[in-house]
C-alpha atoms as a PDB file:
ATOM      1  CA  MET A   1     250.578 -70.288  47.913  1.00  0.00           C
ATOM      2  CA  GLY A   2     253.393 -67.756  47.874  1.00  0.00           C
ATOM      3  CA  ARG A   3     255.775 -67.613  50.869  1.00  0.00           C
ATOM      4  CA  SER A   4     255.755 -71.395  51.159  1.00  0.00           C
ATOM      5  CA  GLY A   5     259.427 -71.906  50.363  1.00  0.00           C
ATOM      6  CA  SER A   6     258.857 -72.861  46.747  1.00  0.00           C
ATOM      7  CA  THR A   7     261.451 -70.558  45.151  1.00  0.00           C
ATOM      8  CA  LEU A   8     264.397 -72.716  46.208  1.00  0.00           C
ATOM      9  CA  ILE A   9     262.675 -75.817  44.819  1.00  0.00           C
ATOM     10  CA  GLU A  10     262.027 -73.932  41.574  1.00  0.00           C
ATOM     11  CA  ARG A  11     265.699 -72.910  41.373  1.00  0.00           C
ATOM     12  CA  LEU A  12     266.843 -76.474  41.991  1.00  0.00           C
ATOM     13  CA  LEU A  13     264.561 -77.810  39.262  1.00  0.00           C
ATOM     14  CA  GLY A  14     265.976 -75.221  36.886  1.00  0.00           C
ATOM     15  CA  GLU A  15     269.464 -76.655  37.505  1.00  0.00           C
ATOM     16  CA  LEU A  16     268.485 -80.065  36.118  1.00  0.00           C
ATOM     17  CA  PRO A  17     269.671 -80.826  32.553  1.00  0.00           C
ATOM     18  CA  GLY A  18     266.806 -80.279  30.104  1.00  0.00           C
ATOM     19  CA  PHE A  19     264.875 -78.027  32.500  1.00  0.00           C
ATOM     20  CA  CYS A  20     264.330 -74.261  32.288  1.00  0.00           C
ATOM     21  CA  SER A  21     262.802 -72.187  35.084  1.00  0.00           C
ATOM     22  CA  VAL A  22     261.083 -68.967  34.007  1.00  0.00           C
ATOM     23  CA  GLY A  23     260.016 -67.673  37.415  1.00  0.00           C
ATOM     24  CA  GLU A  24     256.398 -66.523  37.811  1.00  0.00           C
ATOM     25  CA  ALA A  25     255.188 -66.193  34.230  1.00  0.00           C
ATOM     26  CA  VAL A  26     251.792 -64.938  35.386  1.00  0.00           C
ATOM     27  CA  HIS A  27     253.478 -61.595  36.158  1.00  0.00           C
ATOM     28  CA  LEU A  28     255.366 -61.314  32.846  1.00  0.00           C
ATOM     29  CA  TRP A  29     252.657 -59.271  31.133  1.00  0.00           C
ATOM     30  CA  ARG A  30     252.722 -56.437  33.684  1.00  0.00           C
ATOM     31  CA  ARG A  31     256.090 -56.578  35.419  1.00  0.00           C
ATOM     32  CA  GLY A  32     258.043 -57.535  32.327  1.00  0.00           C
ATOM     33  CA  LEU A  33     256.341 -55.870  29.381  1.00  0.00           C
ATOM     34  CA  LEU A  34     254.829 -52.776  30.994  1.00  0.00           C
ATOM     35  CA  GLU A  35     257.138 -52.049  33.931  1.00  0.00           C
ATOM     36  CA  ASN A  36     260.385 -53.463  32.507  1.00  0.00           C
ATOM     37  CA  GLU A  37     261.471 -55.026  35.782  1.00  0.00           C
ATOM     38  CA  ARG A  38     264.741 -56.871  36.182  1.00  0.00           C
ATOM     39  CA  CYS A  39     265.166 -60.443  35.044  1.00  0.00           C
ATOM     40  CA  GLY A  40     267.001 -62.947  37.257  1.00  0.00           C
ATOM     41  CA  CYS A  41     270.112 -62.233  35.186  1.00  0.00           C
ATOM     42  CA  GLY A  42     270.086 -58.659  36.528  1.00  0.00           C
ATOM     43  CA  ARG A  43     269.160 -56.889  33.293  1.00  0.00           C
ATOM     44  CA  PRO A  44     265.890 -55.050  32.679  1.00  0.00           C
ATOM     45  CA  PHE A  45     263.404 -57.267  30.852  1.00  0.00           C
ATOM     46  CA  SER A  46     263.738 -55.346  27.594  1.00  0.00           C
ATOM     47  CA  ASP A  47     267.553 -55.702  27.655  1.00  0.00           C
ATOM     48  CA  CYS A  48     267.648 -59.428  28.409  1.00  0.00           C
ATOM     49  CA  GLY A  49     268.752 -61.386  25.353  1.00  0.00           C
ATOM     50  CA  PHE A  50     266.995 -64.546  26.496  1.00  0.00           C
ATOM     51  CA  TRP A  51     263.601 -62.883  26.850  1.00  0.00           C
ATOM     52  CA  SER A  52     264.084 -60.908  23.625  1.00  0.00           C
ATOM     53  CA  ASP A  53     264.630 -64.182  21.768  1.00  0.00           C
ATOM     54  CA  VAL A  54     261.602 -65.733  23.467  1.00  0.00           C
ATOM     55  CA  GLY A  55     259.430 -62.779  22.443  1.00  0.00           C
ATOM     56  CA  LYS A  56     260.558 -63.030  18.821  1.00  0.00           C
ATOM     57  CA  GLU A  57     259.939 -66.772  18.730  1.00  0.00           C
ATOM     58  CA  ALA A  58     256.539 -66.585  20.440  1.00  0.00           C
ATOM     59  CA  PHE A  59     254.991 -63.430  19.004  1.00  0.00           C
ATOM     60  CA  GLY A  60     257.367 -62.019  16.412  1.00  0.00           C
ATOM     61  CA  GLY A  61     258.641 -59.618  19.085  1.00  0.00           C
ATOM     62  CA  TRP A  62     257.165 -58.289  22.304  1.00  0.00           C
ATOM     63  CA  ASP A  63     256.143 -55.085  20.534  1.00  0.00           C
ATOM     64  CA  ARG A  64     253.651 -57.148  18.529  1.00  0.00           C
ATOM     65  CA  LEU A  65     251.781 -58.034  21.706  1.00  0.00           C
ATOM     66  CA  ASP A  66     249.194 -55.772  23.350  1.00  0.00           C
ATOM     67  CA  ALA A  67     250.234 -56.172  26.995  1.00  0.00           C
ATOM     68  CA  ARG A  68     247.298 -54.168  28.350  1.00  0.00           C
ATOM     69  CA  GLY A  69     244.955 -56.264  26.245  1.00  0.00           C
ATOM     70  CA  VAL A  70     246.497 -59.406  27.746  1.00  0.00           C
ATOM     71  CA  LEU A  71     245.896 -58.038  31.240  1.00  0.00           C
ATOM     72  CA  ARG A  72     242.258 -57.301  30.388  1.00  0.00           C
ATOM     73  CA  LEU A  73     241.907 -60.848  29.092  1.00  0.00           C
ATOM     74  CA  LYS A  74     243.559 -62.178  32.245  1.00  0.00           C
ATOM     75  CA  ASP A  75     241.081 -60.267  34.417  1.00  0.00           C
ATOM     76  CA  GLY A  76     238.267 -61.904  32.472  1.00  0.00           C
ATOM     77  CA  VAL A  77     239.285 -65.480  33.229  1.00  0.00           C
ATOM     78  CA  ASP A  78     242.329 -65.900  35.516  1.00  0.00           C
ATOM     79  CA  ARG A  79     240.710 -64.802  38.776  1.00  0.00           C
ATOM     80  CA  THR A  80     239.677 -66.597  41.955  1.00  0.00           C
ATOM     81  CA  ARG A  81     236.036 -65.623  41.308  1.00  0.00           C
ATOM     82  CA  PHE A  82     236.009 -67.820  38.190  1.00  0.00           C
ATOM     83  CA  LEU A  83     237.329 -70.939  39.954  1.00  0.00           C
ATOM     84  CA  PRO A  84     233.939 -72.684  40.307  1.00  0.00           C
ATOM     85  CA  MET A  85     233.387 -72.477  36.536  1.00  0.00           C
ATOM     86  CA  LEU A  86     236.992 -73.329  35.688  1.00  0.00           C
ATOM     87  CA  LEU A  87     236.896 -76.390  37.919  1.00  0.00           C
ATOM     88  CA  ASN A  88     233.397 -77.629  37.162  1.00  0.00           C
ATOM     89  CA  GLY A  89     232.492 -76.225  33.739  1.00  0.00           C
ATOM     90  CA  SER A  90     232.734 -77.923  30.389  1.00  0.00           C
ATOM     91  CA  GLY A  91     235.259 -75.486  28.959  1.00  0.00           C
ATOM     92  CA  GLY A  92     232.690 -73.874  26.660  1.00  0.00           C
ATOM     93  CA  GLY A  93     230.763 -70.604  26.599  1.00  0.00           C
ATOM     94  CA  VAL A  94     232.149 -67.097  26.937  1.00  0.00           C
ATOM     95  CA  LEU A  95     234.577 -68.046  29.711  1.00  0.00           C
ATOM     96  CA  GLY A  96     235.810 -70.999  27.678  1.00  0.00           C
ATOM     97  CA  ALA A  97     236.454 -68.782  24.654  1.00  0.00           C
ATOM     98  CA  ARG A  98     238.393 -66.309  26.793  1.00  0.00           C
ATOM     99  CA  ASN A  99     240.387 -69.137  28.315  1.00  0.00           C
ATOM    100  CA  GLU A 100     241.215 -70.500  24.865  1.00  0.00           C
ATOM    101  CA  ARG A 101     242.731 -67.152  23.872  1.00  0.00           C
ATOM    102  CA  TYR A 102     244.419 -66.668  27.240  1.00  0.00           C
ATOM    103  CA  THR A 103     246.083 -70.078  27.449  1.00  0.00           C
ATOM    104  CA  ASP A 104     247.193 -69.855  23.810  1.00  0.00           C
ATOM    105  CA  LEU A 105     249.525 -67.088  24.988  1.00  0.00           C
ATOM    106  CA  TYR A 106     251.077 -69.462  27.525  1.00  0.00           C
ATOM    107  CA  HIS A 107     251.311 -72.242  24.948  1.00  0.00           C
ATOM    108  CA  ARG A 108     253.243 -69.941  22.649  1.00  0.00           C
ATOM    109  CA  LEU A 109     255.349 -68.650  25.535  1.00  0.00           C
ATOM    110  CA  TYR A 110     256.309 -72.106  26.846  1.00  0.00           C
ATOM    111  CA  THR A 111     257.037 -73.367  23.331  1.00  0.00           C
ATOM    112  CA  ALA A 112     259.335 -70.410  22.690  1.00  0.00           C
ATOM    113  CA  VAL A 113     261.126 -70.906  26.031  1.00  0.00           C
ATOM    114  CA  SER A 114     261.700 -74.552  25.127  1.00  0.00           C
ATOM    115  CA  LEU A 115     263.083 -73.660  21.690  1.00  0.00           C
ATOM    116  CA  VAL A 116     265.335 -70.844  22.918  1.00  0.00           C
ATOM    117  CA  SER A 117     266.676 -72.712  25.957  1.00  0.00           C
ATOM    118  CA  GLY A 118     266.757 -76.198  24.468  1.00  0.00           C
ATOM    119  CA  ALA A 119     264.849 -77.498  27.490  1.00  0.00           C
ATOM    120  CA  HIS A 120     262.105 -80.109  27.297  1.00  0.00           C
ATOM    121  CA  VAL A 121     260.587 -79.144  30.673  1.00  0.00           C
ATOM    122  CA  VAL A 122     259.543 -75.571  31.452  1.00  0.00           C
ATOM    123  CA  VAL A 123     259.158 -74.747  35.145  1.00  0.00           C
ATOM    124  CA  ASP A 124     256.597 -72.012  35.750  1.00  0.00           C
ATOM    125  CA  ALA A 125     256.620 -70.919  39.407  1.00  0.00           C
ATOM    126  CA  SER A 126     253.361 -68.930  39.187  1.00  0.00           C
ATOM    127  CA  LYS A 127     251.504 -69.213  42.485  1.00  0.00           C
ATOM    128  CA  HIS A 128     247.985 -68.526  41.189  1.00  0.00           C
ATOM    129  CA  ALA A 129     245.778 -71.592  41.504  1.00  0.00           C
ATOM    130  CA  SER A 130     243.395 -69.936  39.040  1.00  0.00           C
ATOM    131  CA  LEU A 131     246.123 -70.006  36.367  1.00  0.00           C
ATOM    132  CA  ALA A 132     246.624 -73.726  36.931  1.00  0.00           C
ATOM    133  CA  ALA A 133     242.861 -74.175  36.587  1.00  0.00           C
ATOM    134  CA  CYS A 134     242.972 -72.291  33.277  1.00  0.00           C
ATOM    135  CA  LEU A 135     245.948 -74.208  31.909  1.00  0.00           C
ATOM    136  CA  ARG A 136     244.541 -77.668  32.625  1.00  0.00           C
ATOM    137  CA  TRP A 137     241.943 -77.103  29.886  1.00  0.00           C
ATOM    138  CA  ARG A 138     244.715 -76.720  27.321  1.00  0.00           C
ATOM    139  CA  PHE A 139     247.399 -79.092  28.534  1.00  0.00           C
ATOM    140  CA  GLY A 140     245.514 -81.781  30.427  1.00  0.00           C
ATOM    141  CA  ALA A 141     247.830 -84.425  31.867  1.00  0.00           C
ATOM    142  CA  ARG A 142     250.843 -82.860  30.095  1.00  0.00           C
ATOM    143  CA  MET A 143     250.867 -80.283  32.891  1.00  0.00           C
ATOM    144  CA  ARG A 144     252.339 -81.556  36.136  1.00  0.00           C
ATOM    145  CA  LEU A 145     251.442 -79.657  39.272  1.00  0.00           C
ATOM    146  CA  LEU A 146     253.899 -79.403  42.147  1.00  0.00           C
ATOM    147  CA  HIS A 147     251.803 -78.465  45.158  1.00  0.00           C
ATOM    148  CA  VAL A 148     254.071 -76.947  47.831  1.00  0.00           C
ATOM    149  CA  VAL A 149     252.303 -76.400  51.141  1.00  0.00           C
ATOM    150  CA  ARG A 150     253.519 -74.841  54.391  1.00  0.00           C
ATOM    151  CA  ASP A 151     252.085 -74.365  57.872  1.00  0.00           C
ATOM    152  CA  PRO A 152     249.524 -71.540  57.465  1.00  0.00           C
ATOM    153  CA  ARG A 153     250.808 -69.706  60.536  1.00  0.00           C
ATOM    154  CA  ALA A 154     254.293 -69.534  59.023  1.00  0.00           C
ATOM    155  CA  VAL A 155     252.796 -68.375  55.730  1.00  0.00           C
ATOM    156  CA  ALA A 156     250.732 -65.660  57.434  1.00  0.00           C
ATOM    157  CA  HIS A 157     253.804 -64.427  59.321  1.00  0.00           C
ATOM    158  CA  SER A 158     255.762 -64.162  56.070  1.00  0.00           C
ATOM    159  CA  TRP A 159     252.948 -62.314  54.270  1.00  0.00           C
ATOM    160  CA  GLY A 160     252.911 -59.730  57.057  1.00  0.00           C
ATOM    161  CA  LYS A 161     256.556 -58.694  56.556  1.00  0.00           C
ATOM    162  CA  ARG A 162     257.678 -55.617  54.657  1.00  0.00           C
ATOM    163  CA  VAL A 163     260.096 -56.814  51.973  1.00  0.00           C
ATOM    164  CA  PRO A 164     261.465 -54.512  49.224  1.00  0.00           C
ATOM    165  CA  ARG A 165     261.413 -55.905  45.687  1.00  0.00           C
ATOM    166  CA  PRO A 166     264.954 -55.492  44.292  1.00  0.00           C
ATOM    167  CA  ASP A 167     263.672 -56.218  40.795  1.00  0.00           C
ATOM    168  CA  ALA A 168     261.170 -53.351  40.798  1.00  0.00           C
ATOM    169  CA  SER A 169     261.774 -50.480  38.403  1.00  0.00           C
ATOM    170  CA  PRO A 170     261.787 -46.875  39.762  1.00  0.00           C
ATOM    171  CA  ASP A 171     258.213 -46.315  38.562  1.00  0.00           C
ATOM    172  CA  SER A 172     256.932 -49.754  39.546  1.00  0.00           C
ATOM    173  CA  SER A 173     253.410 -50.016  40.920  1.00  0.00           C
ATOM    174  CA  GLU A 174     254.732 -52.603  43.410  1.00  0.00           C
ATOM    175  CA  PRO A 175     257.982 -51.382  45.065  1.00  0.00           C
ATOM    176  CA  GLU A 176     257.500 -53.915  47.880  1.00  0.00           C
ATOM    177  CA  MET A 177     256.313 -57.504  47.938  1.00  0.00           C
ATOM    178  CA  ALA A 178     252.584 -57.711  48.619  1.00  0.00           C
ATOM    179  CA  ARG A 179     251.447 -57.855  52.232  1.00  0.00           C
ATOM    180  CA  TYR A 180     248.381 -59.590  53.668  1.00  0.00           C
ATOM    181  CA  SER A 181     246.697 -59.294  57.040  1.00  0.00           C
ATOM    182  CA  ALA A 182     246.622 -62.499  59.066  1.00  0.00           C
ATOM    183  CA  GLY A 183     242.947 -63.018  58.207  1.00  0.00           C
ATOM    184  CA  ARG A 184     243.418 -62.512  54.491  1.00  0.00           C
ATOM    185  CA  ALA A 185     246.464 -64.794  54.459  1.00  0.00           C
ATOM    186  CA  ALA A 186     244.400 -67.503  56.139  1.00  0.00           C
ATOM    187  CA  VAL A 187     241.579 -67.181  53.583  1.00  0.00           C
ATOM    188  CA  GLN A 188     244.053 -67.277  50.708  1.00  0.00           C
ATOM    189  CA  TRP A 189     245.838 -70.291  52.190  1.00  0.00           C
ATOM    190  CA  VAL A 190     242.602 -72.261  52.353  1.00  0.00           C
ATOM    191  CA  THR A 191     241.422 -71.140  48.904  1.00  0.00           C
ATOM    192  CA  GLN A 192     244.679 -71.799  47.069  1.00  0.00           C
ATOM    193  CA  ASN A 193     245.379 -75.178  48.626  1.00  0.00           C
ATOM    194  CA  THR A 194     241.783 -76.356  48.298  1.00  0.00           C
ATOM    195  CA  THR A 195     241.832 -75.442  44.604  1.00  0.00           C
ATOM    196  CA  LEU A 196     245.066 -77.352  43.987  1.00  0.00           C
ATOM    197  CA  ASP A 197     243.554 -80.383  45.725  1.00  0.00           C
ATOM    198  CA  ALA A 198     240.490 -80.055  43.480  1.00  0.00           C
ATOM    199  CA  LEU A 199     242.685 -80.044  40.374  1.00  0.00           C
ATOM    200  CA  ALA A 200     244.367 -83.230  41.568  1.00  0.00           C
ATOM    201  CA  ARG A 201     240.971 -84.906  42.024  1.00  0.00           C
ATOM    202  CA  ARG A 202     240.066 -83.910  38.460  1.00  0.00           C
ATOM    203  CA  GLY A 203     243.023 -85.736  37.018  1.00  0.00           C
ATOM    204  CA  THR A 204     245.869 -83.190  36.980  1.00  0.00           C
ATOM    205  CA  PRO A 205     249.074 -85.118  37.843  1.00  0.00           C
ATOM    206  CA  THR A 206     249.996 -83.629  41.218  1.00  0.00           C
ATOM    207  CA  LEU A 207     252.737 -84.106  43.791  1.00  0.00           C
ATOM    208  CA  ARG A 208     252.278 -82.507  47.193  1.00  0.00           C
ATOM    209  CA  VAL A 209     255.410 -81.433  49.045  1.00  0.00           C
ATOM    210  CA  ARG A 210     255.390 -79.999  52.539  1.00  0.00           C
ATOM    211  CA  TYR A 211     257.959 -77.267  53.150  1.00  0.00           C
ATOM    212  CA  GLU A 212     258.736 -78.766  56.546  1.00  0.00           C
ATOM    213  CA  ASP A 213     259.506 -82.187  55.032  1.00  0.00           C
ATOM    214  CA  PHE A 214     261.693 -80.644  52.334  1.00  0.00           C
ATOM    215  CA  VAL A 215     263.935 -78.712  54.732  1.00  0.00           C
ATOM    216  CA  ALA A 216     264.119 -81.721  57.072  1.00  0.00           C
ATOM    217  CA  ASP A 217     265.325 -84.082  54.314  1.00  0.00           C
ATOM    218  CA  PRO A 218     266.086 -82.111  51.141  1.00  0.00           C
ATOM    219  CA  VAL A 219     267.988 -84.956  49.467  1.00  0.00           C
ATOM    220  CA  ALA A 220     265.112 -87.426  49.567  1.00  0.00           C
ATOM    221  CA  GLU A 221     262.405 -84.855  48.892  1.00  0.00           C
ATOM    222  CA  PHE A 222     264.141 -83.316  45.907  1.00  0.00           C
ATOM    223  CA  ALA A 223     264.802 -86.743  44.415  1.00  0.00           C
ATOM    224  CA  ARG A 224     261.058 -87.376  44.676  1.00  0.00           C
ATOM    225  CA  ILE A 225     260.280 -84.013  43.078  1.00  0.00           C
ATOM    226  CA  ALA A 226     262.738 -84.520  40.217  1.00  0.00           C
ATOM    227  CA  GLU A 227     261.309 -87.950  39.419  1.00  0.00           C
ATOM    228  CA  PHE A 228     257.776 -86.545  39.377  1.00  0.00           C
ATOM    229  CA  ALA A 229     258.883 -83.741  37.047  1.00  0.00           C
ATOM    230  CA  GLY A 230     260.157 -86.303  34.549  1.00  0.00           C
ATOM    231  CA  TYR A 231     263.870 -86.252  35.269  1.00  0.00           C
ATOM    232  CA  THR A 232     265.400 -89.670  34.653  1.00  0.00           C
ATOM    233  CA  GLY A 233     268.999 -88.992  35.668  1.00  0.00           C
ATOM    234  CA  VAL A 234     270.592 -88.836  39.087  1.00  0.00           C
ATOM    235  CA  PRO A 235     269.450 -85.578  40.730  1.00  0.00           C
ATOM    236  CA  PRO A 236     272.071 -83.377  42.390  1.00  0.00           C
ATOM    237  CA  VAL A 237     272.630 -83.884  46.085  1.00  0.00           C
ATOM    238  CA  VAL A 238     270.830 -81.143  47.984  1.00  0.00           C
ATOM    239  CA  GLY A 239     272.702 -80.470  51.199  1.00  0.00           C
ATOM    240  CA  GLU A 240     274.442 -77.729  53.130  1.00  0.00           C
ATOM    241  CA  ALA A 241     275.396 -75.658  50.086  1.00  0.00           C
ATOM    242  CA  VAL A 242     273.729 -75.981  46.697  1.00  0.00           C
ATOM    243  CA  PRO A 243     275.466 -74.173  43.793  1.00  0.00           C
ATOM    244  CA  LEU A 244     272.952 -72.094  41.856  1.00  0.00           C
ATOM    245  CA  ALA A 245     273.704 -70.648  38.434  1.00  0.00           C
ATOM    246  CA  ARG A 246     272.360 -67.389  37.003  1.00  0.00           C
ATOM    247  CA  THR A 247     268.814 -67.710  35.693  1.00  0.00           C
ATOM    248  CA  HIS A 248     266.334 -65.724  33.650  1.00  0.00           C
ATOM    249  CA  ALA A 249     263.542 -66.196  36.168  1.00  0.00           C
ATOM    250  CA  LEU A 250     261.053 -63.333  36.075  1.00  0.00           C
ATOM    251  CA  SER A 251     259.357 -62.095  39.232  1.00  0.00           C
ATOM    252  CA  GLY A 252     259.138 -63.926  42.536  1.00  0.00           C
ATOM    253  CA  ASN A 253     261.144 -64.157  45.728  1.00  0.00           C
ATOM    254  CA  PRO A 254     264.334 -62.011  45.727  1.00  0.00           C
ATOM    255  CA  MET A 255     266.424 -65.172  46.145  1.00  0.00           C
ATOM    256  CA  ARG A 256     266.035 -65.733  42.400  1.00  0.00           C
ATOM    257  CA  PHE A 257     268.955 -63.303  42.064  1.00  0.00           C
ATOM    258  CA  SER A 258     271.163 -65.530  44.237  1.00  0.00           C
ATOM    259  CA  GLN A 259     274.128 -67.277  42.646  1.00  0.00           C
ATOM    260  CA  GLY A 260     276.695 -69.651  44.048  1.00  0.00           C
ATOM    261  CA  PRO A 261     276.271 -71.861  47.133  1.00  0.00           C
ATOM    262  CA  VAL A 262     272.883 -71.566  48.813  1.00  0.00           C
ATOM    263  CA  GLY A 263     272.036 -73.512  51.956  1.00  0.00           C
ATOM    264  CA  VAL A 264     268.812 -75.379  52.731  1.00  0.00           C
ATOM    265  CA  ARG A 265     267.773 -74.440  56.246  1.00  0.00           C
ATOM    266  CA  PRO A 266     264.417 -74.377  58.046  1.00  0.00           C
ATOM    267  CA  ASP A 267     262.844 -71.041  58.918  1.00  0.00           C
ATOM    268  CA  HIS A 268     260.794 -71.354  62.095  1.00  0.00           C
ATOM    269  CA  GLY A 269     261.052 -67.731  63.209  1.00  0.00           C
ATOM    270  CA  TRP A 270     257.275 -67.373  63.097  1.00  0.00           C
ATOM    271  CA  ARG A 271     256.925 -69.463  66.246  1.00  0.00           C
ATOM    272  CA  ASP A 272     258.435 -66.657  68.331  1.00  0.00           C
ATOM    273  CA  SER A 273     257.557 -63.645  66.173  1.00  0.00           C
ATOM    274  CA  LEU A 274     253.907 -64.183  65.213  1.00  0.00           C
ATOM    275  CA  ALA A 275     251.669 -62.347  67.673  1.00  0.00           C
ATOM    276  CA  PRO A 276     249.547 -64.788  69.742  1.00  0.00           C
ATOM    277  CA  TRP A 277     246.263 -63.252  68.569  1.00  0.00           C
ATOM    278  CA  ARG A 278     247.316 -63.568  64.935  1.00  0.00           C
ATOM    279  CA  ARG A 279     248.408 -67.134  65.491  1.00  0.00           C
ATOM    280  CA  GLY A 280     245.067 -67.932  67.105  1.00  0.00           C
ATOM    281  CA  LEU A 281     243.128 -66.252  64.302  1.00  0.00           C
ATOM    282  CA  VAL A 282     244.979 -68.126  61.546  1.00  0.00           C
ATOM    283  CA  SER A 283     244.725 -71.395  63.464  1.00  0.00           C
ATOM    284  CA  ALA A 284     240.968 -71.014  63.832  1.00  0.00           C
ATOM    285  CA  MET A 285     240.320 -69.972  60.223  1.00  0.00           C
ATOM    286  CA  THR A 286     242.416 -72.779  58.732  1.00  0.00           C
ATOM    287  CA  ALA A 287     241.367 -75.514  61.176  1.00  0.00           C
ATOM    288  CA  PRO A 288     239.081 -77.386  58.738  1.00  0.00           C
ATOM    289  CA  ALA A 289     241.900 -77.764  56.191  1.00  0.00           C
ATOM    290  CA  ARG A 290     245.059 -77.915  58.304  1.00  0.00           C
ATOM    291  CA  GLY A 291     244.614 -81.529  59.336  1.00  0.00           C
ATOM    292  CA  ARG A 292     244.579 -82.634  55.726  1.00  0.00           C
ATOM    293  CA  TYR A 293     248.200 -81.535  55.437  1.00  0.00           C
ATOM    294  CA  GLY A 294     249.325 -82.692  58.874  1.00  0.00           C
ATOM    295  CA  TYR A 295     249.381 -79.328  60.662  1.00  0.00           C
END
């Protein structure tokens, strides 16, 4: 689920030789194509040479793609309401046909990213469990799922903050990062994490990483992550200051614009800042699932 500290892990994976991080590709169709938001390199999507080359390779140019049609297709399959069928269905029927068309777009996108960047691993930081459920029908065990989980009370506190989106265009429909009430954050936390667990039980190669374990021992945890992702070299040492290069990550946490040394430090501000009644509400609503992750 978003606000679980995954952006730094995504950035670190993108630094590995042969890896390319694209940010949250699930938002490319709206925030990139329709709203022309800024890429991680700082340029508007339409002015970014990397994404222009990807569009030409994947679709013959982004102007050949009906972005609004893609969004309509997305609404017809990549939604939480379709999770029971995506997880338990046979992949056939009307939903299966939609999913075939929908995931073909991602297949073409990832292939183009690989060709343009020269990478053999594409890191998609999309946080929608429903997208992962869609993609498993196309990629099977070729898709590796990094399941980052964080204490639900910390997640709820983060979702309640008002945070401007520096990548948003002047006419963006989302000038700020989305906000959830404590109750909605708790429901989403349970739904998203339960779905990712279900995908693991159905054979999707999955590695679970707790945010708290990562910030406590980033060297060991990132080595474990890199190995799972297929990296065979010696991963960089993750310590006080990790040098991050410019990326072309699209959408996500504002730290995707960060360059240069970035520290790995725990954020436990929620323990003092989250109102007691909100903390109690989230604790109660997530109680059945929290123990599974050690919270």
